[in-house]
Amino acid sequence: MDINELIAIVKKKLTDQIRIDSINIEDKSFLHKNHAGNQEGKFHLKITLSSSELKSLSRIESNKKIYKILDKERMPLKQRGQS
């Protein structure tokens, strides 16, 4: 899977499960390029979104909801059984 496929999957999962007014997903993987823990198949995304549904939750609860939706995508590709 490449970064564009991952971004498309993340966007679809979030918009399918949360009422989102606007969303922007950026690839920030380059920020970790020379770090010791940098691994192939591991990406860093910055997600900025606006949602009246999430505004009704605390910040912690809204983050938990997003993390739960993206649980599989938060793992490196090798742990997901992909290469």
N, C-alpha and C. Protein backbone atom coordinates (compact mmCIF):
# COMPACT_ATOMS: atom_id res chain seq x y z
N MET A 1 0.84 -1.17 0.00
CA MET A 1 0.00 0.00 0.00
C MET A 1 0.90 1.24 0.00
N ASP A 2 0.54 2.22 -0.83
CA ASP A 2 1.31 3.45 -0.81
C ASP A 2 0.56 4.51 -0.01
N ILE A 3 1.18 5.66 0.17
CA ILE A 3 0.63 6.71 1.02
C ILE A 3 -0.71 7.22 0.49
N ASN A 4 -0.87 7.32 -0.83
CA ASN A 4 -2.12 7.81 -1.38
C ASN A 4 -3.29 6.87 -1.11
N GLU A 5 -3.02 5.56 -1.18
CA GLU A 5 -4.05 4.57 -0.85
C GLU A 5 -4.43 4.68 0.63
N LEU A 6 -3.42 4.83 1.48
CA LEU A 6 -3.68 4.95 2.91
C LEU A 6 -4.51 6.19 3.22
N ILE A 7 -4.17 7.31 2.61
CA ILE A 7 -4.94 8.54 2.83
C ILE A 7 -6.39 8.35 2.39
N ALA A 8 -6.61 7.71 1.25
CA ALA A 8 -7.97 7.47 0.75
C ALA A 8 -8.75 6.58 1.72
N ILE A 9 -8.11 5.55 2.25
CA ILE A 9 -8.76 4.64 3.20
C ILE A 9 -9.12 5.38 4.49
N VAL A 10 -8.19 6.15 5.01
CA VAL A 10 -8.41 6.90 6.24
C VAL A 10 -9.58 7.88 6.06
N LYS A 11 -9.55 8.61 4.96
CA LYS A 11 -10.63 9.58 4.69
C LYS A 11 -11.99 8.89 4.58
N LYS A 12 -12.04 7.78 3.87
CA LYS A 12 -13.31 7.06 3.70
C LYS A 12 -13.82 6.54 5.04
N LYS A 13 -12.94 5.93 5.83
CA LYS A 13 -13.37 5.38 7.11
C LYS A 13 -13.90 6.48 8.03
N LEU A 14 -13.21 7.60 8.07
CA LEU A 14 -13.67 8.69 8.94
C LEU A 14 -14.98 9.29 8.45
N THR A 15 -15.10 9.54 7.15
CA THR A 15 -16.34 10.15 6.64
C THR A 15 -17.51 9.18 6.67
N ASP A 16 -17.24 7.89 6.64
CA ASP A 16 -18.32 6.89 6.74
C ASP A 16 -18.87 6.79 8.17
N GLN A 17 -18.03 7.09 9.17
CA GLN A 17 -18.43 6.84 10.56
C GLN A 17 -18.62 8.09 11.42
N ILE A 18 -18.26 9.24 10.88
CA ILE A 18 -18.41 10.51 11.60
C ILE A 18 -18.98 11.54 10.63
N ARG A 19 -19.91 12.36 11.11
CA ARG A 19 -20.39 13.47 10.29
C ARG A 19 -19.30 14.54 10.28
N ILE A 20 -18.65 14.69 9.14
CA ILE A 20 -17.51 15.61 9.03
C ILE A 20 -17.89 16.78 8.13
N ASP A 21 -17.61 17.99 8.62
CA ASP A 21 -17.87 19.20 7.84
C ASP A 21 -16.72 19.47 6.87
N SER A 22 -15.49 19.26 7.32
CA SER A 22 -14.32 19.40 6.44
C SER A 22 -13.20 18.52 6.98
N ILE A 23 -12.36 18.06 6.03
CA ILE A 23 -11.24 17.20 6.42
C ILE A 23 -10.06 17.46 5.50
N ASN A 24 -8.87 17.46 6.09
CA ASN A 24 -7.63 17.59 5.34
C ASN A 24 -6.64 16.58 5.93
N ILE A 25 -6.03 15.78 5.06
CA ILE A 25 -5.06 14.77 5.49
C ILE A 25 -3.75 15.04 4.76
N GLU A 26 -2.69 15.22 5.54
CA GLU A 26 -1.37 15.50 4.97
C GLU A 26 -0.38 14.41 5.33
N ASP A 27 0.49 14.08 4.38
CA ASP A 27 1.58 13.14 4.62
C ASP A 27 2.73 13.91 5.26
N LYS A 28 3.07 13.56 6.49
CA LYS A 28 4.18 14.19 7.20
C LYS A 28 5.31 13.20 7.46
N SER A 29 5.34 12.12 6.70
CA SER A 29 6.34 11.07 6.89
C SER A 29 7.77 11.59 6.73
N PHE A 30 7.95 12.59 5.87
CA PHE A 30 9.28 13.14 5.63
C PHE A 30 9.91 13.70 6.90
N LEU A 31 9.10 14.07 7.88
CA LEU A 31 9.64 14.61 9.12
C LEU A 31 10.42 13.57 9.92
N HIS A 32 10.21 12.29 9.62
CA HIS A 32 10.85 11.20 10.36
C HIS A 32 11.87 10.43 9.52
N LYS A 33 12.18 10.94 8.35
CA LYS A 33 13.02 10.22 7.39
C LYS A 33 14.34 9.74 7.99
N ASN A 34 15.03 10.57 8.75
CA ASN A 34 16.35 10.19 9.28
C ASN A 34 16.31 9.74 10.74
N HIS A 35 15.14 9.51 11.28
CA HIS A 35 15.03 9.05 12.67
C HIS A 35 15.36 7.56 12.76
N ALA A 36 15.91 7.18 13.89
CA ALA A 36 16.31 5.79 14.10
C ALA A 36 15.12 4.83 14.00
N GLY A 37 13.96 5.24 14.47
CA GLY A 37 12.79 4.36 14.47
C GLY A 37 12.01 4.36 13.17
N ASN A 38 12.47 5.11 12.17
CA ASN A 38 11.76 5.17 10.89
C ASN A 38 11.78 3.81 10.21
N GLN A 39 10.62 3.35 9.73
CA GLN A 39 10.51 2.04 9.11
C GLN A 39 9.76 2.15 7.80
N GLU A 40 10.11 1.31 6.85
CA GLU A 40 9.37 1.24 5.60
C GLU A 40 7.95 0.77 5.90
N GLY A 41 6.99 1.38 5.26
CA GLY A 41 5.60 1.00 5.48
C GLY A 41 4.97 1.67 6.68
N LYS A 42 5.71 2.56 7.32
CA LYS A 42 5.17 3.29 8.47
C LYS A 42 5.08 4.75 8.06
N PHE A 43 3.87 5.32 8.14
CA PHE A 43 3.64 6.67 7.69
C PHE A 43 3.20 7.55 8.85
N HIS A 44 3.36 8.85 8.66
CA HIS A 44 2.93 9.83 9.65
C HIS A 44 1.94 10.76 8.94
N LEU A 45 0.69 10.71 9.36
CA LEU A 45 -0.34 11.56 8.77
C LEU A 45 -0.77 12.63 9.75
N LYS A 46 -1.04 13.81 9.23
CA LYS A 46 -1.64 14.88 10.02
C LYS A 46 -3.08 15.02 9.52
N ILE A 47 -4.02 14.79 10.42
CA ILE A 47 -5.44 14.88 10.07
C ILE A 47 -6.03 16.10 10.76
N THR A 48 -6.59 16.99 9.96
CA THR A 48 -7.28 18.16 10.48
C THR A 48 -8.72 18.06 10.01
N LEU A 49 -9.64 18.07 10.97
CA LEU A 49 -11.03 17.96 10.57
C LEU A 49 -11.93 18.81 11.45
N SER A 50 -13.08 19.10 10.91
CA SER A 50 -14.11 19.84 11.64
C SER A 50 -15.37 18.98 11.62
N SER A 51 -15.97 18.80 12.79
CA SER A 51 -17.14 17.95 12.90
C SER A 51 -18.02 18.41 14.06
N SER A 52 -19.26 18.73 13.76
CA SER A 52 -20.18 19.11 14.83
C SER A 52 -20.44 17.91 15.75
N GLU A 53 -20.38 16.72 15.19
CA GLU A 53 -20.56 15.50 15.99
C GLU A 53 -19.46 15.38 17.04
N LEU A 54 -18.22 15.61 16.64
CA LEU A 54 -17.11 15.50 17.59
C LEU A 54 -17.06 16.67 18.56
N LYS A 55 -17.58 17.81 18.16
CA LYS A 55 -17.59 18.98 19.06
C LYS A 55 -18.45 18.72 20.29
N SER A 56 -19.40 17.80 20.18
CA SER A 56 -20.26 17.49 21.32
C SER A 56 -19.56 16.57 22.33
N LEU A 57 -18.39 16.04 21.95
CA LEU A 57 -17.61 15.17 22.83
C LEU A 57 -16.44 15.95 23.42
N SER A 58 -15.88 15.44 24.51
CA SER A 58 -14.65 16.03 25.03
C SER A 58 -13.53 15.74 24.03
N ARG A 59 -12.45 16.46 24.13
CA ARG A 59 -11.31 16.25 23.22
C ARG A 59 -10.79 14.81 23.35
N ILE A 60 -10.71 14.31 24.57
CA ILE A 60 -10.23 12.94 24.78
C ILE A 60 -11.17 11.94 24.14
N GLU A 61 -12.47 12.11 24.34
CA GLU A 61 -13.44 11.18 23.75
C GLU A 61 -13.45 11.25 22.22
N SER A 62 -13.30 12.44 21.66
CA SER A 62 -13.27 12.54 20.19
C SER A 62 -12.01 11.87 19.64
N ASN A 63 -10.86 12.04 20.33
CA ASN A 63 -9.65 11.36 19.89
C ASN A 63 -9.78 9.85 20.00
N LYS A 64 -10.37 9.37 21.08
CA LYS A 64 -10.58 7.93 21.25
C LYS A 64 -11.44 7.38 20.12
N LYS A 65 -12.47 8.13 19.74
CA LYS A 65 -13.36 7.68 18.66
C LYS A 65 -12.58 7.57 17.34
N ILE A 66 -11.77 8.57 17.05
CA ILE A 66 -10.97 8.55 15.82
C ILE A 66 -9.96 7.41 15.86
N TYR A 67 -9.26 7.25 16.99
CA TYR A 67 -8.28 6.16 17.11
C TYR A 67 -8.94 4.79 16.95
N LYS A 68 -10.13 4.63 17.49
CA LYS A 68 -10.84 3.35 17.36
C LYS A 68 -11.19 3.08 15.89
N ILE A 69 -11.66 4.09 15.19
CA ILE A 69 -12.01 3.93 13.78
C ILE A 69 -10.78 3.57 12.96
N LEU A 70 -9.65 4.17 13.29
CA LEU A 70 -8.42 3.98 12.52
C LEU A 70 -7.46 2.97 13.16
N ASP A 71 -7.96 2.12 14.03
CA ASP A 71 -7.11 1.18 14.75
C ASP A 71 -6.22 0.37 13.82
N LYS A 72 -6.79 -0.20 12.79
CA LYS A 72 -6.02 -1.03 11.86
C LYS A 72 -4.98 -0.20 11.09
N GLU A 73 -5.35 1.00 10.70
CA GLU A 73 -4.46 1.84 9.91
C GLU A 73 -3.32 2.43 10.75
N ARG A 74 -3.44 2.38 12.05
CA ARG A 74 -2.40 2.91 12.93
C ARG A 74 -1.24 1.93 13.09
N MET A 75 -1.40 0.69 12.64
CA MET A 75 -0.33 -0.31 12.75
C MET A 75 0.57 -0.25 11.52
N PRO A 76 1.86 -0.54 11.68
CA PRO A 76 2.73 -0.66 10.50
C PRO A 76 2.22 -1.75 9.57
N LEU A 77 2.50 -1.62 8.27
CA LEU A 77 1.98 -2.55 7.27
C LEU A 77 2.33 -4.01 7.56
N LYS A 78 3.52 -4.28 8.07
CA LYS A 78 3.93 -5.66 8.34
C LYS A 78 3.05 -6.30 9.40
N GLN A 79 2.62 -5.53 10.41
CA GLN A 79 1.73 -6.07 11.43
C GLN A 79 0.33 -6.32 10.87
N ARG A 80 -0.02 -5.60 9.80
CA ARG A 80 -1.33 -5.79 9.16
C ARG A 80 -1.31 -6.94 8.17
N GLY A 81 -0.15 -7.56 7.97
CA GLY A 81 -0.06 -8.68 7.05
C GLY A 81 0.15 -8.22 5.61
N GLN A 82 0.60 -6.98 5.43
CA GLN A 82 0.86 -6.46 4.09
C GLN A 82 2.33 -6.13 4.00
N SER A 83 2.78 -5.95 2.78
CA SER A 83 4.18 -5.53 2.59
C SER A 83 4.28 -4.44 1.57
